[in-house]
PDB file of all heavy atoms in Angstrom:
ATOM      1  N   LEU A   1     101.473  76.355 102.701  1.00  0.00           N
ATOM      2  CA  LEU A   1     102.837  76.698 102.305  1.00  0.00           C
ATOM      3  C   LEU A   1     103.752  76.522 103.514  1.00  0.00           C
ATOM      4  O   LEU A   1     103.513  77.114 104.569  1.00  0.00           O
ATOM      5  CB  LEU A   1     102.893  78.149 101.818  1.00  0.00           C
ATOM      6  CG  LEU A   1     104.238  78.644 101.327  1.00  0.00           C
ATOM      7  CD1 LEU A   1     104.672  77.867 100.085  1.00  0.00           C
ATOM      8  CD2 LEU A   1     104.171  80.125 100.990  1.00  0.00           C
ATOM      9  N   PRO A   2     104.789  75.698 103.394  1.00  0.00           N
ATOM     10  CA  PRO A   2     105.716  75.519 104.527  1.00  0.00           C
ATOM     11  C   PRO A   2     106.383  76.847 104.900  1.00  0.00           C
ATOM     12  O   PRO A   2     106.617  77.703 104.045  1.00  0.00           O
ATOM     13  CB  PRO A   2     106.749  74.526 103.984  1.00  0.00           C
ATOM     14  CG  PRO A   2     106.061  73.826 102.852  1.00  0.00           C
ATOM     15  CD  PRO A   2     105.134  74.842 102.262  1.00  0.00           C
ATOM     16  N   ASP A   3     106.683  77.017 106.175  1.00  0.00           N
ATOM     17  CA  ASP A   3     107.389  78.218 106.636  1.00  0.00           C
ATOM     18  C   ASP A   3     108.772  78.296 106.023  1.00  0.00           C
ATOM     19  O   ASP A   3     109.275  79.374 105.726  1.00  0.00           O
ATOM     20  CB  ASP A   3     107.500  78.239 108.162  1.00  0.00           C
ATOM     21  CG  ASP A   3     106.150  78.450 108.840  1.00  0.00           C
ATOM     22  OD1 ASP A   3     105.287  79.119 108.229  1.00  0.00           O
ATOM     23  OD2 ASP A   3     105.964  77.933 109.948  1.00  0.00           O
ATOM     24  N   SER A   4     109.400  77.131 105.852  1.00  0.00           N
ATOM     25  CA  SER A   4     110.733  77.084 105.253  1.00  0.00           C
ATOM     26  C   SER A   4     110.986  75.654 104.771  1.00  0.00           C
ATOM     27  O   SER A   4     110.231  74.741 105.074  1.00  0.00           O
ATOM     28  CB  SER A   4     111.806  77.488 106.263  1.00  0.00           C
ATOM     29  OG  SER A   4     111.847  76.566 107.330  1.00  0.00           O
ATOM     30  N   PHE A   5     112.059  75.510 104.011  1.00  0.00           N
ATOM     31  CA  PHE A   5     112.490  74.205 103.531  1.00  0.00           C
ATOM     32  C   PHE A   5     113.883  73.947 104.079  1.00  0.00           C
ATOM     33  O   PHE A   5     114.706  74.860 104.127  1.00  0.00           O
ATOM     34  CB  PHE A   5     112.519  74.174 101.997  1.00  0.00           C
ATOM     35  CG  PHE A   5     111.173  74.429 101.374  1.00  0.00           C
ATOM     36  CD1 PHE A   5     110.845  75.685 100.899  1.00  0.00           C
ATOM     37  CD2 PHE A   5     110.243  73.411 101.263  1.00  0.00           C
ATOM     38  CE1 PHE A   5     109.608  75.928 100.315  1.00  0.00           C
ATOM     39  CE2 PHE A   5     109.003  73.637 100.682  1.00  0.00           C
ATOM     40  CZ  PHE A   5     108.691  74.899 100.206  1.00  0.00           C
ATOM     41  N   GLU A   6     114.153  72.708 104.459  1.00  0.00           N
ATOM     42  CA  GLU A   6     115.469  72.379 105.011  1.00  0.00           C
ATOM     43  C   GLU A   6     116.546  72.384 103.939  1.00  0.00           C
ATOM     44  O   GLU A   6     117.695  72.694 104.225  1.00  0.00           O
ATOM     45  CB  GLU A   6     115.418  71.025 105.719  1.00  0.00           C
ATOM     46  CG  GLU A   6     114.628  71.059 107.012  1.00  0.00           C
ATOM     47  CD  GLU A   6     114.687  69.752 107.761  1.00  0.00           C
ATOM     48  OE1 GLU A   6     115.677  69.002 107.610  1.00  0.00           O
ATOM     49  OE2 GLU A   6     113.734  69.467 108.516  1.00  0.00           O
ATOM     50  N   THR A   7     116.172  72.015 102.718  1.00  0.00           N
ATOM     51  CA  THR A   7     117.154  71.959 101.640  1.00  0.00           C
ATOM     52  C   THR A   7     116.545  72.519 100.352  1.00  0.00           C
ATOM     53  O   THR A   7     115.321  72.632 100.234  1.00  0.00           O
ATOM     54  CB  THR A   7     117.599  70.504 101.361  1.00  0.00           C
ATOM     55  OG1 THR A   7     116.463  69.770 100.868  1.00  0.00           O
ATOM     56  CG2 THR A   7     118.175  69.830 102.597  1.00  0.00           C
ATOM     57  N   GLU A   8     117.406  72.842  99.401  1.00  0.00           N
ATOM     58  CA  GLU A   8     116.926  73.275  98.088  1.00  0.00           C
ATOM     59  C   GLU A   8     116.157  72.151  97.412  1.00  0.00           C
ATOM     60  O   GLU A   8     115.187  72.403  96.685  1.00  0.00           O
ATOM     61  CB  GLU A   8     118.100  73.705  97.213  1.00  0.00           C
ATOM     62  CG  GLU A   8     118.746  75.000  97.658  1.00  0.00           C
ATOM     63  CD  GLU A   8     119.922  75.408  96.782  1.00  0.00           C
ATOM     64  OE1 GLU A   8     120.182  74.745  95.751  1.00  0.00           O
ATOM     65  OE2 GLU A   8     120.576  76.400  97.129  1.00  0.00           O
ATOM     66  N   GLU A   9     116.569  70.913  97.654  1.00  0.00           N
ATOM     67  CA  GLU A   9     115.892  69.769  97.059  1.00  0.00           C
ATOM     68  C   GLU A   9     114.448  69.683  97.550  1.00  0.00           C
ATOM     69  O   GLU A   9     113.538  69.400  96.773  1.00  0.00           O
ATOM     70  CB  GLU A   9     116.639  68.463  97.368  1.00  0.00           C
ATOM     71  CG  GLU A   9     117.942  68.308  96.615  1.00  0.00           C
ATOM     72  CD  GLU A   9     119.101  69.146  97.187  1.00  0.00           C
ATOM     73  OE1 GLU A   9     119.026  69.592  98.350  1.00  0.00           O
ATOM     74  OE2 GLU A   9     120.071  69.365  96.439  1.00  0.00           O
ATOM     75  N   GLN A  10     114.235  69.920  98.855  1.00  0.00           N
ATOM     76  CA  GLN A  10     112.884  69.886  99.396  1.00  0.00           C
ATOM     77  C   GLN A  10     112.039  70.995  98.781  1.00  0.00           C
ATOM     78  O   GLN A  10     110.867  70.778  98.453  1.00  0.00           O
ATOM     79  CB  GLN A  10     112.897  70.034 100.915  1.00  0.00           C
ATOM     80  CG  GLN A  10     113.275  68.783 101.652  1.00  0.00           C
ATOM     81  CD  GLN A  10     113.192  68.970 103.164  1.00  0.00           C
ATOM     82  OE1 GLN A  10     113.122  70.088 103.667  1.00  0.00           O
ATOM     83  NE2 GLN A  10     113.208  67.862 103.883  1.00  0.00           N
ATOM     84  N   ALA A  11     112.613  72.157  98.610  1.00  0.00           N
ATOM     85  CA  ALA A  11     111.890  73.260  97.981  1.00  0.00           C
ATOM     86  C   ALA A  11     111.540  72.890  96.541  1.00  0.00           C
ATOM     87  O   ALA A  11     110.403  73.105  96.095  1.00  0.00           O
ATOM     88  CB  ALA A  11     112.728  74.530  98.017  1.00  0.00           C
ATOM     89  N   GLY A  12     112.505  72.314  95.832  1.00  0.00           N
ATOM     90  CA  GLY A  12     112.259  71.902  94.455  1.00  0.00           C
ATOM     91  C   GLY A  12     111.162  70.866  94.350  1.00  0.00           C
ATOM     92  O   GLY A  12     110.298  70.946  93.472  1.00  0.00           O
ATOM     93  N   GLU A  13     111.177  69.890  95.254  1.00  0.00           N
ATOM     94  CA  GLU A  13     110.148  68.855  95.247  1.00  0.00           C
ATOM     95  C   GLU A  13     108.765  69.461  95.495  1.00  0.00           C
ATOM     96  O   GLU A  13     107.784  69.070  94.864  1.00  0.00           O
ATOM     97  CB  GLU A  13     110.459  67.782  96.294  1.00  0.00           C
ATOM     98  CG  GLU A  13     111.632  66.896  95.917  1.00  0.00           C
ATOM     99  CD  GLU A  13     112.067  65.978  97.046  1.00  0.00           C
ATOM    100  OE1 GLU A  13     111.371  65.905  98.089  1.00  0.00           O
ATOM    101  OE2 GLU A  13     113.110  65.317  96.888  1.00  0.00           O
ATOM    102  N   PHE A  14     108.695  70.420  96.410  1.00  0.00           N
ATOM    103  CA  PHE A  14     107.422  71.066  96.694  1.00  0.00           C
ATOM    104  C   PHE A  14     106.920  71.802  95.464  1.00  0.00           C
ATOM    105  O   PHE A  14     105.784  71.625  95.020  1.00  0.00           O
ATOM    106  CB  PHE A  14     107.556  72.034  97.876  1.00  0.00           C
ATOM    107  CG  PHE A  14     106.267  72.736  98.223  1.00  0.00           C
ATOM    108  CD1 PHE A  14     105.340  72.140  99.052  1.00  0.00           C
ATOM    109  CD2 PHE A  14     105.982  73.996  97.698  1.00  0.00           C
ATOM    110  CE1 PHE A  14     104.142  72.787  99.369  1.00  0.00           C
ATOM    111  CE2 PHE A  14     104.792  74.646  98.006  1.00  0.00           C
ATOM    112  CZ  PHE A  14     103.871  74.029  98.844  1.00  0.00           C
ATOM    113  N   TRP A  15     107.789  72.649  94.879  1.00  0.00           N
ATOM    114  CA  TRP A  15     107.349  73.478  93.754  1.00  0.00           C
ATOM    115  C   TRP A  15     107.196  72.682  92.469  1.00  0.00           C
ATOM    116  O   TRP A  15     106.506  73.129  91.547  1.00  0.00           O
ATOM    117  CB  TRP A  15     108.272  74.679  93.579  1.00  0.00           C
ATOM    118  CG  TRP A  15     108.095  75.637  94.720  1.00  0.00           C
ATOM    119  CD1 TRP A  15     109.010  75.966  95.667  1.00  0.00           C
ATOM    120  CD2 TRP A  15     106.900  76.364  95.068  1.00  0.00           C
ATOM    121  NE1 TRP A  15     108.470  76.848  96.574  1.00  0.00           N
ATOM    122  CE2 TRP A  15     107.180  77.108  96.222  1.00  0.00           C
ATOM    123  CE3 TRP A  15     105.629  76.448  94.502  1.00  0.00           C
ATOM    124  CZ2 TRP A  15     106.227  77.932  96.836  1.00  0.00           C
ATOM    125  CZ3 TRP A  15     104.679  77.271  95.107  1.00  0.00           C
ATOM    126  CH2 TRP A  15     104.986  78.000  96.256  1.00  0.00           C
ATOM    127  N   ASP A  16     107.758  71.485  92.384  1.00  0.00           N
ATOM    128  CA  ASP A  16     107.520  70.612  91.236  1.00  0.00           C
ATOM    129  C   ASP A  16     106.067  70.132  91.206  1.00  0.00           C
ATOM    130  O   ASP A  16     105.544  69.795  90.155  1.00  0.00           O
ATOM    131  CB  ASP A  16     108.438  69.386  91.262  1.00  0.00           C
ATOM    132  CG  ASP A  16     109.846  69.691  90.778  1.00  0.00           C
ATOM    133  OD1 ASP A  16     110.062  70.769  90.188  1.00  0.00           O
ATOM    134  OD2 ASP A  16     110.728  68.842  90.996  1.00  0.00           O
ATOM    135  N   THR A  17     105.432  70.099  92.367  1.00  0.00           N
ATOM    136  CA  THR A  17     104.076  69.558  92.458  1.00  0.00           C
ATOM    137  C   THR A  17     103.041  70.590  92.882  1.00  0.00           C
ATOM    138  O   THR A  17     101.892  70.245  93.130  1.00  0.00           O
ATOM    139  CB  THR A  17     104.042  68.376  93.453  1.00  0.00           C
ATOM    140  OG1 THR A  17     104.504  68.828  94.732  1.00  0.00           O
ATOM    141  CG2 THR A  17     104.909  67.223  92.960  1.00  0.00           C
ATOM    142  N   HIS A  18     103.443  71.846  92.995  1.00  0.00           N
ATOM    143  CA  HIS A  18     102.533  72.916  93.387  1.00  0.00           C
ATOM    144  C   HIS A  18     102.711  74.116  92.463  1.00  0.00           C
ATOM    145  O   HIS A  18     103.786  74.319  91.916  1.00  0.00           O
ATOM    146  CB  HIS A  18     102.806  73.348  94.836  1.00  0.00           C
ATOM    147  CG  HIS A  18     102.535  72.276  95.840  1.00  0.00           C
ATOM    148  ND1 HIS A  18     103.412  71.245  96.076  1.00  0.00           N
ATOM    149  CD2 HIS A  18     101.471  72.074  96.657  1.00  0.00           C
ATOM    150  CE1 HIS A  18     102.899  70.449  97.010  1.00  0.00           C
ATOM    151  NE2 HIS A  18     101.728  70.922  97.373  1.00  0.00           N
ATOM    152  N   SER A  19     101.658  74.898  92.328  1.00  0.00           N
ATOM    153  CA  SER A  19     101.698  76.079  91.471  1.00  0.00           C
ATOM    154  C   SER A  19     101.801  77.342  92.309  1.00  0.00           C
ATOM    155  O   SER A  19     101.072  77.509  93.300  1.00  0.00           O
ATOM    156  CB  SER A  19     100.426  76.151  90.623  1.00  0.00           C
ATOM    157  OG  SER A  19     100.349  77.388  89.946  1.00  0.00           O
ATOM    158  N   THR A  20     102.667  78.254  91.891  1.00  0.00           N
ATOM    159  CA  THR A  20     102.760  79.540  92.600  1.00  0.00           C
ATOM    160  C   THR A  20     101.442  80.303  92.499  1.00  0.00           C
ATOM    161  O   THR A  20     101.149  81.143  93.347  1.00  0.00           O
ATOM    162  CB  THR A  20     103.897  80.414  92.039  1.00  0.00           C
ATOM    163  OG1 THR A  20     103.709  80.576  90.627  1.00  0.00           O
ATOM    164  CG2 THR A  20     105.251  79.811  92.319  1.00  0.00           C
ATOM    165  N   MET A  21     100.654  79.997  91.484  1.00  0.00           N
ATOM    166  CA  MET A  21      99.360  80.675  91.331  1.00  0.00           C
ATOM    167  C   MET A  21      98.430  80.376  92.504  1.00  0.00           C
ATOM    168  O   MET A  21      97.539  81.173  92.805  1.00  0.00           O
ATOM    169  CB  MET A  21      98.691  80.260  90.011  1.00  0.00           C
ATOM    170  CG  MET A  21      99.487  80.669  88.778  1.00  0.00           C
ATOM    171  SD  MET A  21      99.919  82.427  88.733  1.00  0.00           S
ATOM    172  CE  MET A  21      98.322  83.155  88.541  1.00  0.00           C
ATOM    173  N   ASP A  22      98.644  79.261  93.186  1.00  0.00           N
ATOM    174  CA  ASP A  22      97.830  78.919  94.357  1.00  0.00           C
ATOM    175  C   ASP A  22      98.297  79.635  95.614  1.00  0.00           C
ATOM    176  O   ASP A  22      97.635  79.557  96.651  1.00  0.00           O
ATOM    177  CB  ASP A  22      97.870  77.402  94.597  1.00  0.00           C
ATOM    178  CG  ASP A  22      97.169  76.621  93.499  1.00  0.00           C
ATOM    179  OD1 ASP A  22      96.250  77.170  92.866  1.00  0.00           O
ATOM    180  OD2 ASP A  22      97.555  75.455  93.280  1.00  0.00           O
ATOM    181  N   TYR A  23      99.421  80.335  95.537  1.00  0.00           N
ATOM    182  CA  TYR A  23     100.016  80.972  96.720  1.00  0.00           C
ATOM    183  C   TYR A  23     100.290  82.452  96.475  1.00  0.00           C
ATOM    184  O   TYR A  23     101.200  83.035  97.057  1.00  0.00           O
ATOM    185  CB  TYR A  23     101.310  80.234  97.105  1.00  0.00           C
ATOM    186  CG  TYR A  23     101.067  78.778  97.437  1.00  0.00           C
ATOM    187  CD1 TYR A  23     101.165  77.796  96.451  1.00  0.00           C
ATOM    188  CD2 TYR A  23     100.695  78.382  98.712  1.00  0.00           C
ATOM    189  CE1 TYR A  23     100.918  76.467  96.734  1.00  0.00           C
ATOM    190  CE2 TYR A  23     100.443  77.057  99.008  1.00  0.00           C
ATOM    191  CZ  TYR A  23     100.556  76.094  98.013  1.00  0.00           C
ATOM    192  OH  TYR A  23     100.310  74.781  98.312  1.00  0.00           O
ATOM    193  N   GLN A  24      99.490  83.076  95.614  1.00  0.00           N
ATOM    194  CA  GLN A  24      99.719  84.472  95.247  1.00  0.00           C
ATOM    195  C   GLN A  24      99.702  85.415  96.448  1.00  0.00           C
ATOM    196  O   GLN A  24     100.412  86.411  96.452  1.00  0.00           O
ATOM    197  CB  GLN A  24      98.685  84.923  94.224  1.00  0.00           C
ATOM    198  CG  GLN A  24      98.877  84.264  92.870  1.00  0.00           C
ATOM    199  CD  GLN A  24      97.905  84.803  91.854  1.00  0.00           C
ATOM    200  OE1 GLN A  24      97.786  86.005  91.700  1.00  0.00           O
ATOM    201  NE2 GLN A  24      97.220  83.910  91.166  1.00  0.00           N
ATOM    202  N   GLU A  25      98.929  85.080  97.453  1.00  0.00           N
ATOM    203  CA  GLU A  25      98.836  85.951  98.634  1.00  0.00           C
ATOM    204  C   GLU A  25     100.172  86.073  99.365  1.00  0.00           C
ATOM    205  O   GLU A  25     100.390  87.011 100.124  1.00  0.00           O
ATOM    206  CB  GLU A  25      97.764  85.433  99.589  1.00  0.00           C
ATOM    207  CG  GLU A  25      98.149  84.100 100.223  1.00  0.00           C
ATOM    208  CD  GLU A  25      96.964  83.233 100.555  1.00  0.00           C
ATOM    209  OE1 GLU A  25      96.208  82.888  99.635  1.00  0.00           O
ATOM    210  OE2 GLU A  25      96.817  82.912 101.750  1.00  0.00           O
ATOM    211  N   TYR A  26     101.084  85.124  99.145  1.00  0.00           N
ATOM    212  CA  TYR A  26     102.389  85.140  99.807  1.00  0.00           C
ATOM    213  C   TYR A  26     103.467  85.824  98.965  1.00  0.00           C
ATOM    214  O   TYR A  26     104.577  86.058  99.446  1.00  0.00           O
ATOM    215  CB  TYR A  26     102.847  83.709 100.124  1.00  0.00           C
ATOM    216  CG  TYR A  26     101.905  82.970 101.040  1.00  0.00           C
ATOM    217  CD1 TYR A  26     101.002  82.039 100.530  1.00  0.00           C
ATOM    218  CD2 TYR A  26     101.902  83.207 102.409  1.00  0.00           C
ATOM    219  CE1 TYR A  26     100.124  81.361 101.360  1.00  0.00           C
ATOM    220  CE2 TYR A  26     101.029  82.535 103.256  1.00  0.00           C
ATOM    221  CZ  TYR A  26     100.145  81.610 102.719  1.00  0.00           C
ATOM    222  OH  TYR A  26      99.287  80.943 103.550  1.00  0.00           O
ATOM    223  N   LEU A  27     103.163  86.101  97.712  1.00  0.00           N
ATOM    224  CA  LEU A  27     104.159  86.690  96.821  1.00  0.00           C
ATOM    225  C   LEU A  27     104.296  88.182  97.080  1.00  0.00           C
ATOM    226  O   LEU A  27     103.324  88.856  97.402  1.00  0.00           O
ATOM    227  CB  LEU A  27     103.766  86.446  95.355  1.00  0.00           C
ATOM    228  CG  LEU A  27     103.626  84.983  94.944  1.00  0.00           C
ATOM    229  CD1 LEU A  27     103.191  84.901  93.479  1.00  0.00           C
ATOM    230  CD2 LEU A  27     104.925  84.235  95.146  1.00  0.00           C
ATOM    231  N   GLN A  28     105.517  88.668  96.945  1.00  0.00           N
ATOM    232  CA  GLN A  28     105.790  90.087  97.132  1.00  0.00           C
ATOM    233  C   GLN A  28     106.536  90.610  95.918  1.00  0.00           C
ATOM    234  O   GLN A  28     107.422  89.934  95.390  1.00  0.00           O
ATOM    235  CB  GLN A  28     106.656  90.312  98.380  1.00  0.00           C
ATOM    236  CG  GLN A  28     106.002  89.860  99.663  1.00  0.00           C
ATOM    237  CD  GLN A  28     106.935  90.012 100.853  1.00  0.00           C
ATOM    238  OE1 GLN A  28     108.049  90.479 100.730  1.00  0.00           O
ATOM    239  NE2 GLN A  28     106.460  89.595 102.005  1.00  0.00           N
ATOM    240  N   PRO A  29     106.174  91.818  95.473  1.00  0.00           N
ATOM    241  CA  PRO A  29     106.899  92.380  94.325  1.00  0.00           C
ATOM    242  C   PRO A  29     108.361  92.650  94.688  1.00  0.00           C
ATOM    243  O   PRO A  29     108.695  92.896  95.849  1.00  0.00           O
ATOM    244  CB  PRO A  29     106.169  93.690  94.033  1.00  0.00           C
ATOM    245  CG  PRO A  29     105.140  93.862  95.080  1.00  0.00           C
ATOM    246  CD  PRO A  29     105.142  92.672  95.971  1.00  0.00           C
ATOM    247  N   THR A  30     109.201  92.590  93.687  1.00  0.00           N
ATOM    248  CA  THR A  30     110.625  92.829  93.908  1.00  0.00           C
ATOM    249  C   THR A  30     111.210  93.532  92.699  1.00  0.00           C
ATOM    250  O   THR A  30     110.676  93.447  91.594  1.00  0.00           O
ATOM    251  CB  THR A  30     111.372  91.503  94.166  1.00  0.00           C
ATOM    252  OG1 THR A  30     112.744  91.790  94.374  1.00  0.00           O
ATOM    253  CG2 THR A  30     111.226  90.551  93.016  1.00  0.00           C
ATOM    254  N   ASP A  31     112.287  94.243  92.916  1.00  0.00           N
ATOM    255  CA  ASP A  31     112.995  94.905  91.821  1.00  0.00           C
ATOM    256  C   ASP A  31     114.224  94.104  91.405  1.00  0.00           C
ATOM    257  O   ASP A  31     115.045  94.588  90.636  1.00  0.00           O
ATOM    258  CB  ASP A  31     113.432  96.317  92.245  1.00  0.00           C
ATOM    259  CG  ASP A  31     112.242  97.242  92.418  1.00  0.00           C
ATOM    260  OD1 ASP A  31     111.243  97.075  91.677  1.00  0.00           O
ATOM    261  OD2 ASP A  31     112.288  98.137  93.274  1.00  0.00           O
ATOM    262  N   ASP A  32     114.340  92.872  91.919  1.00  0.00           N
ATOM    263  CA  ASP A  32     115.497  92.038  91.595  1.00  0.00           C
ATOM    264  C   ASP A  32     115.545  91.752  90.095  1.00  0.00           C
ATOM    265  O   ASP A  32     114.527  91.616  89.432  1.00  0.00           O
ATOM    266  CB  ASP A  32     115.443  90.711  92.348  1.00  0.00           C
ATOM    267  CG  ASP A  32     115.625  90.880  93.842  1.00  0.00           C
ATOM    268  OD1 ASP A  32     116.043  91.970  94.272  1.00  0.00           O
ATOM    269  OD2 ASP A  32     115.343  89.927  94.584  1.00  0.00           O
ATOM    270  N   THR A  33     116.759  91.671  89.600  1.00  0.00           N
ATOM    271  CA  THR A  33     116.982  91.312  88.205  1.00  0.00           C
ATOM    272  C   THR A  33     117.720  89.992  88.173  1.00  0.00           C
ATOM    273  O   THR A  33     118.691  89.802  88.906  1.00  0.00           O
ATOM    274  CB  THR A  33     117.839  92.386  87.491  1.00  0.00           C
ATOM    275  OG1 THR A  33     117.159  93.645  87.586  1.00  0.00           O
ATOM    276  CG2 THR A  33     118.050  92.033  86.045  1.00  0.00           C
ATOM    277  N   ILE A  34     117.253  89.095  87.339  1.00  0.00           N
ATOM    278  CA  ILE A  34     117.905  87.798  87.205  1.00  0.00           C
ATOM    279  C   ILE A  34     118.738  87.830  85.935  1.00  0.00           C
ATOM    280  O   ILE A  34     118.215  88.073  84.849  1.00  0.00           O
ATOM    281  CB  ILE A  34     116.876  86.660  87.139  1.00  0.00           C
ATOM    282  CG1 ILE A  34     116.065  86.611  88.432  1.00  0.00           C
ATOM    283  CG2 ILE A  34     117.555  85.327  86.865  1.00  0.00           C
ATOM    284  CD1 ILE A  34     114.915  85.638  88.396  1.00  0.00           C
ATOM    285  N   GLU A  35     120.017  87.598  86.091  1.00  0.00           N
ATOM    286  CA  GLU A  35     120.921  87.558  84.948  1.00  0.00           C
ATOM    287  C   GLU A  35     121.110  86.100  84.531  1.00  0.00           C
ATOM    288  O   GLU A  35     121.522  85.269  85.338  1.00  0.00           O
ATOM    289  CB  GLU A  35     122.288  88.157  85.305  1.00  0.00           C
ATOM    290  CG  GLU A  35     122.243  89.636  85.652  1.00  0.00           C
ATOM    291  CD  GLU A  35     121.934  90.525  84.462  1.00  0.00           C
ATOM    292  OE1 GLU A  35     122.264  90.139  83.323  1.00  0.00           O
ATOM    293  OE2 GLU A  35     121.345  91.597  84.684  1.00  0.00           O
ATOM    294  N   ILE A  36     120.776  85.789  83.313  1.00  0.00           N
ATOM    295  CA  ILE A  36     120.971  84.436  82.803  1.00  0.00           C
ATOM    296  C   ILE A  36     122.371  84.382  82.215  1.00  0.00           C
ATOM    297  O   ILE A  36     122.671  85.046  81.226  1.00  0.00           O
ATOM    298  CB  ILE A  36     119.908  84.082  81.747  1.00  0.00           C
ATOM    299  CG1 ILE A  36     118.523  84.150  82.391  1.00  0.00           C
ATOM    300  CG2 ILE A  36     120.190  82.711  81.147  1.00  0.00           C
ATOM    301  CD1 ILE A  36     117.382  83.968  81.426  1.00  0.00           C
ATOM    302  N   SER A  37     123.228  83.619  82.865  1.00  0.00           N
ATOM    303  CA  SER A  37     124.631  83.584  82.454  1.00  0.00           C
ATOM    304  C   SER A  37     124.953  82.375  81.572  1.00  0.00           C
ATOM    305  O   SER A  37     126.006  82.321  80.961  1.00  0.00           O
ATOM    306  CB  SER A  37     125.538  83.573  83.680  1.00  0.00           C
ATOM    307  OG  SER A  37     125.266  82.438  84.466  1.00  0.00           O
ATOM    308  N   GLU A  38     124.048  81.425  81.524  1.00  0.00           N
ATOM    309  CA  GLU A  38     124.311  80.217  80.746  1.00  0.00           C
ATOM    310  C   GLU A  38     122.999  79.678  80.202  1.00  0.00           C
ATOM    311  O   GLU A  38     121.992  79.667  80.891  1.00  0.00           O
ATOM    312  CB  GLU A  38     124.962  79.163  81.643  1.00  0.00           C
ATOM    313  CG  GLU A  38     125.385  77.922  80.925  1.00  0.00           C
ATOM    314  CD  GLU A  38     126.100  76.945  81.856  1.00  0.00           C
ATOM    315  OE1 GLU A  38     126.980  77.363  82.602  1.00  0.00           O
ATOM    316  OE2 GLU A  38     125.747  75.764  81.803  1.00  0.00           O
ATOM    317  N   ARG A  39     123.030  79.258  78.965  1.00  0.00           N
ATOM    318  CA  ARG A  39     121.857  78.652  78.359  1.00  0.00           C
ATOM    319  C   ARG A  39     122.136  77.174  78.127  1.00  0.00           C
ATOM    320  O   ARG A  39     123.260  76.778  77.867  1.00  0.00           O
ATOM    321  CB  ARG A  39     121.528  79.336  77.036  1.00  0.00           C
ATOM    322  CG  ARG A  39     121.078  80.771  77.236  1.00  0.00           C
ATOM    323  CD  ARG A  39     120.811  81.454  75.934  1.00  0.00           C
ATOM    324  NE  ARG A  39     119.680  80.822  75.246  1.00  0.00           N
ATOM    325  CZ  ARG A  39     119.271  81.174  74.041  1.00  0.00           C
ATOM    326  NH1 ARG A  39     119.890  82.140  73.388  1.00  0.00           N
ATOM    327  NH2 ARG A  39     118.253  80.570  73.475  1.00  0.00           N
ATOM    328  N   VAL A  40     121.090  76.383  78.206  1.00  0.00           N
ATOM    329  CA  VAL A  40     121.193  74.955  77.987  1.00  0.00           C
ATOM    330  C   VAL A  40     120.242  74.596  76.846  1.00  0.00           C
ATOM    331  O   VAL A  40     119.118  75.074  76.793  1.00  0.00           O
ATOM    332  CB  VAL A  40     120.819  74.165  79.262  1.00  0.00           C
ATOM    333  CG1 VAL A  40     120.848  72.677  79.007  1.00  0.00           C
ATOM    334  CG2 VAL A  40     121.745  74.543  80.408  1.00  0.00           C
ATOM    335  N   PHE A  41     120.706  73.753  75.936  1.00  0.00           N
ATOM    336  CA  PHE A  41     119.915  73.372  74.777  1.00  0.00           C
ATOM    337  C   PHE A  41     119.668  71.875  74.772  1.00  0.00           C
ATOM    338  O   PHE A  41     120.500  71.101  75.229  1.00  0.00           O
ATOM    339  CB  PHE A  41     120.653  73.760  73.484  1.00  0.00           C
ATOM    340  CG  PHE A  41     120.898  75.244  73.378  1.00  0.00           C
ATOM    341  CD1 PHE A  41     122.045  75.811  73.897  1.00  0.00           C
ATOM    342  CD2 PHE A  41     119.957  76.058  72.768  1.00  0.00           C
ATOM    343  CE1 PHE A  41     122.268  77.177  73.814  1.00  0.00           C
ATOM    344  CE2 PHE A  41     120.172  77.426  72.677  1.00  0.00           C
ATOM    345  CZ  PHE A  41     121.329  77.989  73.195  1.00  0.00           C
ATOM    346  N   GLU A  42     118.536  71.481  74.235  1.00  0.00           N
ATOM    347  CA  GLU A  42     118.238  70.069  74.070  1.00  0.00           C
ATOM    348  C   GLU A  42     118.627  69.657  72.665  1.00  0.00           C
ATOM    349  O   GLU A  42     118.434  70.405  71.720  1.00  0.00           O
ATOM    350  CB  GLU A  42     116.744  69.811  74.268  1.00  0.00           C
ATOM    351  CG  GLU A  42     116.309  69.981  75.694  1.00  0.00           C
ATOM    352  CD  GLU A  42     114.847  69.611  75.885  1.00  0.00           C
ATOM    353  OE1 GLU A  42     114.314  68.808  75.064  1.00  0.00           O
ATOM    354  OE2 GLU A  42     114.250  70.099  76.833  1.00  0.00           O
ATOM    355  N   VAL A  43     119.176  68.464  72.550  1.00  0.00           N
ATOM    356  CA  VAL A  43     119.557  67.915  71.250  1.00  0.00           C
ATOM    357  C   VAL A  43     119.002  66.504  71.175  1.00  0.00           C
ATOM    358  O   VAL A  43     119.149  65.719  72.108  1.00  0.00           O
ATOM    359  CB  VAL A  43     121.098  67.889  71.092  1.00  0.00           C
ATOM    360  CG1 VAL A  43     121.488  67.264  69.777  1.00  0.00           C
ATOM    361  CG2 VAL A  43     121.672  69.286  71.227  1.00  0.00           C
TER     362      VAL A  43
END
């Protein structure tokens, strides 16, 4: 797991090809709430 990513694009490219399940030891619980403000639909 890289220490950091230079850009959001680099982070996205990494996580597009890797599973968080392989890095569970680095995950930390959080009380953060994610508010979904916009939905996108496929047509």
